[in-house]
Amino acid sequence: MDEKTIEALQKKSRRSYYFAAAFSATVFLAITSVLFFLLLTTPSGIAYLEESPKEMITGVIVLPALLAVGIYLLLYYLFVKTTYETFNQAFKGTYVLQIVETAGGFSNLSYSPKNGLDYNEIRDSHVVNSGEYKYFKSEDQLSGTLYAIPFSYSDVVTQYLKRNGKKSEIRTIFSGQVMRFSLPNEFKWSFGHLQIFEKEFLSNLKGYTAPYKIQTENEAFNQRFEIFAADEHNAFYLLTPRMLEQIIRFADFANCQIALAFVGMALYVAVDRPHSMFNASVRQSLTKQRQLIFDDAILLKKAGEILLFGTDAHSNQEQP
């Protein structure tokens, strides 16, 4: 699909959002104005206002507000959501694979907007707390190979239901992206789980941890990260001084909280950031959004280059 068509879909989606918001606000203001007029000018309204002013003013504001919210939700599900989904699908279908390829090093790419990493895989990897199955979400799955290394990259949100007496609410544990790399043949196997968390990760975000807590000889690393291993000897075999430096380099590049888990011949990398990959915006320019896709691709590429190859020498790429 050409850019002019996508821009037209974006404008249509944006107009639908603005119309729904403006119409709902107009309804709220109109009803509130009428109610205040009646309250201040009619004998019964004045009597009610004198008797219980706080309750009357609250009612005049709250009831129209609830009606306006209901109208907005109705308009949203009738046509705002549909126009946005049309724009979003066109945007993703046109730009995601096209722009990821420009980052270089990728091949055999496939993209599935509605699919993601499986709940059981996230749970079994123990790279983050998987929360409850009912509230788990994963989408925007990008798969392929990076320098011949198979990978999968998805948005992941893990949540659970928090009960407090009669009240309950859904709490988010982790919101970000999870990458899975198949380790190169020259890599050593991980016997059981080997987990590395930045210390700022909250305990509920980590979830299960392997039984042995490891300290390295790198004090700077120890101050910033925690290591948990199922096998102490295997952990030191994998976490060479070079690998410790690579983990620090990637954490610095990601500029957000990260977690890693080596499981067998797979490496899972989680980046904790409230940023959904690839979703289109009705407000940002298409140029800016293409740059964001490129940045997400570079984050994936840097994870592979730094953590698997110990270098980012392959990073000659074109801007989108």
Foldseek 3Di string as FASTA:
>chain_A
DDPVVLLVLLQVLVVLLVVLLVVLVVQLVVQLVVLVCCLPPPPVSVVVCVVPVVVSNCCSNVVSNVVSVVSSVVSCVVPSVVSQVVSQVVQLVPFQVVLLVLQDQWDPKDWWFQDFDDLVVCCQQLQWQQADPVPKGKGGWIWTDGNNKTKIKIWIWHWYWDDDPPDIDIDTLFTFMKMKTQADPVADFADAKKKKWFPVRDPNTSPDFADDWDDDPDVVLVNGITIGGVDPVSNPVRCDVLLSVLVVVLCVVLVATKMWMGHTRMIMITGGDNDHPSGDDSPDDSLVNSQRSNVVSVNVNSCCCSNRVVDCVRRDGDGD
